[in-house]
């Protein structure tokens, strides 16, 4: 058995060299999510950085850029299934309190208060807790998708939604469903 050489480096560099993604975006279970009214460490991907089908910024069919806050929801979260669930959700032009979306991370130094938070293991669990049909297996991305998350969560008295393993990437997410995240367009 060969012994590996000892390498000395500053603690932060050693941590980053071991597993940068796992440390920044940890795998969490529901019990690990932030308690009600606790502070969660987050990061956010700018909506201007989310790429659409033509490698430009993500846009709605009419060319309007995707934003968070009060918007139309994720592009494509409209249609017949959305209509059956909530008639006005079928419109690709209607504005909804979509919320502000964050990843739960370690080391960002950016803190968000969870308020009263709905906690779930997956998006399928969020759909079940909010009474939204999940039409496409595990990720629940087909219409109505996540368009109504904050609209329904707010009606149930929640200020945020936390998902331990969200989407295809399995990363923990938090959606803030209060304040300007519900009333104005949040872009950039």
Protein backbone atom coordinates (compact mmCIF):
# COMPACT_ATOMS: atom_id res chain seq x y z
CA UNK A 1 0.00 0.00 0.00
CA UNK A 2 1.44 3.35 -1.04
CA UNK A 3 1.17 6.16 1.40
CA UNK A 4 -0.17 9.38 -0.07
CA UNK A 5 2.08 12.42 0.38
CA UNK A 6 0.99 14.97 2.97
CA UNK A 7 0.03 18.28 1.45
CA UNK A 8 -0.34 21.34 3.64
CA UNK A 9 -2.71 24.05 2.60
CA UNK A 10 -4.90 26.62 4.30
CA UNK A 11 -8.02 25.09 5.83
CA UNK A 12 -10.41 26.83 3.40
CA UNK A 13 -8.43 25.59 0.40
CA UNK A 14 -8.36 22.07 1.82
CA UNK A 15 -12.12 22.09 2.29
CA UNK A 16 -12.69 23.39 -1.24
CA UNK A 17 -10.31 20.77 -2.68
CA UNK A 18 -12.17 17.90 -1.00
CA UNK A 19 -15.76 18.43 -2.15
CA UNK A 20 -16.73 21.97 -3.15
CA UNK A 21 -20.25 21.21 -4.36
CA UNK A 22 -21.16 18.95 -1.44
CA UNK A 23 -20.04 21.57 1.06
CA UNK A 24 -21.79 24.47 -0.62
CA UNK A 25 -24.96 22.60 -1.56
CA UNK A 26 -25.30 19.84 1.00
CA UNK A 27 -27.60 16.85 0.72
CA UNK A 28 -30.40 17.45 3.18
CA UNK A 29 -33.37 15.61 4.58
CA UNK A 30 -36.57 17.28 5.72
CA UNK A 31 -35.33 17.28 9.34
CA UNK A 32 -32.26 19.30 8.22
CA UNK A 33 -34.30 22.16 6.71
CA UNK A 34 -34.45 25.49 8.52
CA UNK A 35 -36.90 25.69 11.42
CA UNK A 36 -39.79 28.16 11.39
CA UNK A 37 -38.59 31.74 11.78
CA UNK A 38 -34.97 30.56 11.58
CA UNK A 39 -32.33 31.96 9.25
CA UNK A 40 -31.28 29.97 6.18
CA UNK A 41 -28.02 30.50 4.31
CA UNK A 42 -28.78 30.84 0.59
CA UNK A 43 -27.57 31.77 -2.86
CA UNK A 44 -29.61 32.76 -5.87
CA UNK A 45 -29.15 32.29 -9.60
CA UNK A 46 -29.98 35.49 -11.44
CA UNK A 47 -32.91 35.07 -13.81
CA UNK A 48 -30.74 36.76 -16.45
CA UNK A 49 -28.28 33.83 -16.16
CA UNK A 50 -30.86 31.09 -16.73
CA UNK A 51 -30.45 30.01 -20.31
CA UNK A 52 -33.31 29.41 -22.63
CA UNK A 53 -33.59 27.22 -25.72
CA UNK A 54 -31.52 29.54 -27.94
CA UNK A 55 -28.70 29.99 -25.38
CA UNK A 56 -30.01 33.42 -24.53
CA UNK A 57 -31.76 34.39 -21.32
CA UNK A 58 -34.94 32.43 -20.57
CA UNK A 59 -37.99 34.12 -22.12
CA UNK A 60 -41.70 33.59 -22.48
CA UNK A 61 -43.11 32.71 -25.93
CA UNK A 62 -43.78 36.41 -26.64
CA UNK A 63 -40.12 37.33 -25.99
CA UNK A 64 -40.58 38.86 -22.53
CA UNK A 65 -37.70 37.85 -20.20
CA UNK A 66 -38.46 35.48 -17.33
CA UNK A 67 -38.39 37.09 -13.86
CA UNK A 68 -39.31 36.02 -10.36
CA UNK A 69 -41.68 37.71 -7.91
CA UNK A 70 -45.06 38.56 -9.42
CA UNK A 71 -44.81 36.97 -12.84
CA UNK A 72 -46.27 34.34 -15.17
CA UNK A 73 -44.52 31.41 -13.49
CA UNK A 74 -41.90 29.25 -15.15
CA UNK A 75 -42.29 29.48 -18.95
CA UNK A 76 -44.51 26.60 -20.02
CA UNK A 77 -46.40 26.20 -16.71
CA UNK A 78 -49.74 26.90 -18.41
CA UNK A 79 -52.10 24.83 -20.50
CA UNK A 80 -54.95 22.32 -20.18
CA UNK A 81 -53.72 20.62 -17.01
CA UNK A 82 -53.17 23.96 -15.33
CA UNK A 83 -56.66 25.03 -16.45
CA UNK A 84 -58.31 21.96 -14.93
CA UNK A 85 -56.55 22.67 -11.65
CA UNK A 86 -57.06 26.44 -11.54
CA UNK A 87 -58.69 28.14 -14.59
CA UNK A 88 -56.73 31.39 -14.46
CA UNK A 89 -53.43 29.48 -14.13
CA UNK A 90 -53.86 28.31 -17.72
CA UNK A 91 -53.09 31.75 -19.11
CA UNK A 92 -49.48 32.30 -20.09
CA UNK A 93 -50.09 36.04 -19.59
CA UNK A 94 -51.60 36.04 -16.08
CA UNK A 95 -49.43 37.34 -13.25
CA UNK A 96 -48.98 35.24 -10.12
CA UNK A 97 -47.18 35.64 -6.81
CA UNK A 98 -44.40 33.25 -7.92
CA UNK A 99 -41.93 34.04 -5.13
CA UNK A 100 -38.15 34.38 -5.03
CA UNK A 101 -36.16 31.17 -5.50
CA UNK A 102 -32.93 30.33 -3.68
CA UNK A 103 -30.62 27.37 -3.19
CA UNK A 104 -29.88 26.44 0.42
CA UNK A 105 -26.07 26.50 0.74
CA UNK A 106 -23.25 26.76 3.23
CA UNK A 107 -20.68 29.53 3.15
CA UNK A 108 -22.50 32.25 1.19
CA UNK A 109 -23.00 34.59 4.14
CA UNK A 110 -26.42 35.54 2.72
CA UNK A 111 -29.25 34.83 5.13
CA UNK A 112 -33.02 34.69 4.56
CA UNK A 113 -35.58 34.28 7.34
CA UNK A 114 -37.82 31.26 6.68
CA UNK A 115 -40.86 32.66 8.50
CA UNK A 116 -43.46 29.90 8.76
CA UNK A 117 -42.17 27.34 6.28
CA UNK A 118 -43.69 24.42 4.44
CA UNK A 119 -41.02 21.69 4.38
CA UNK A 120 -40.90 18.81 1.91
CA UNK A 121 -38.51 16.08 0.80
CA UNK A 122 -39.19 16.63 -2.93
CA UNK A 123 -41.29 18.65 -5.34
CA UNK A 124 -43.72 15.72 -5.47
CA UNK A 125 -44.21 16.21 -1.71
CA UNK A 126 -44.77 19.97 -2.17
CA UNK A 127 -47.42 19.21 -4.80
CA UNK A 128 -49.12 16.77 -2.43
CA UNK A 129 -49.09 19.22 0.51
CA UNK A 130 -50.52 22.02 -1.65
CA UNK A 131 -53.03 19.80 -3.48
CA UNK A 132 -51.46 20.33 -6.92
CA UNK A 133 -51.61 17.42 -9.40
CA UNK A 134 -48.22 16.02 -10.44
CA UNK A 135 -48.53 14.94 -14.05
CA UNK A 136 -45.03 13.79 -14.94
CA UNK A 137 -43.46 11.47 -12.43
CA UNK A 138 -41.00 12.63 -9.80
CA UNK A 139 -40.12 16.22 -10.67
CA UNK A 140 -43.64 17.59 -11.27
CA UNK A 141 -42.45 20.04 -13.93
CA UNK A 142 -45.36 19.60 -16.37
CA UNK A 143 -48.19 22.17 -16.10
CA UNK A 144 -49.17 23.51 -13.66
CA UNK A 145 -45.60 22.89 -12.42
CA UNK A 146 -44.55 25.24 -9.63
CA UNK A 147 -46.54 28.24 -10.92
CA UNK A 148 -48.96 28.13 -7.98
CA UNK A 149 -46.58 27.19 -5.14
CA UNK A 150 -46.51 30.59 -3.44
CA UNK A 151 -50.11 31.46 -4.30
CA UNK A 152 -51.34 28.33 -2.47
CA UNK A 153 -48.71 28.37 0.28
CA UNK A 154 -49.66 31.94 1.20
CA UNK A 155 -53.32 30.92 1.45
CA UNK A 156 -52.27 28.21 3.92
CA UNK A 157 -50.32 30.73 6.03
CA UNK A 158 -46.78 29.86 4.87
CA UNK A 159 -44.06 32.45 4.25
CA UNK A 160 -41.69 30.07 2.47
CA UNK A 161 -41.32 26.61 0.99
CA UNK A 162 -38.21 24.46 1.54
CA UNK A 163 -37.48 21.39 -0.57
CA UNK A 164 -34.72 19.03 0.60
CA UNK A 165 -34.07 17.43 -2.81
CA UNK A 166 -35.49 19.51 -5.59
CA UNK A 167 -35.59 18.68 -9.32
CA UNK A 168 -33.15 16.70 -11.34
CA UNK A 169 -30.15 18.19 -9.54
CA UNK A 170 -31.26 17.08 -6.08
CA UNK A 171 -30.19 20.38 -4.53
CA UNK A 172 -32.06 21.92 -1.58
CA UNK A 173 -34.22 24.93 -2.47
CA UNK A 174 -36.11 27.65 -0.64
CA UNK A 175 -38.88 29.76 -2.15
CA UNK A 176 -39.76 32.97 -0.31
CA UNK A 177 -43.49 33.64 -0.57
CA UNK A 178 -43.86 37.02 1.13
CA UNK A 179 -43.09 40.71 0.69
CA UNK A 180 -41.88 41.97 -2.68
CA UNK A 181 -41.36 38.38 -3.81
CA UNK A 182 -45.14 38.27 -4.12
CA UNK A 183 -46.02 41.75 -5.30
CA UNK A 184 -43.41 43.02 -7.80
CA UNK A 185 -41.31 41.66 -10.65
CA UNK A 186 -37.91 40.55 -9.38
CA UNK A 187 -35.31 40.28 -12.13
CA UNK A 188 -31.59 40.16 -12.55
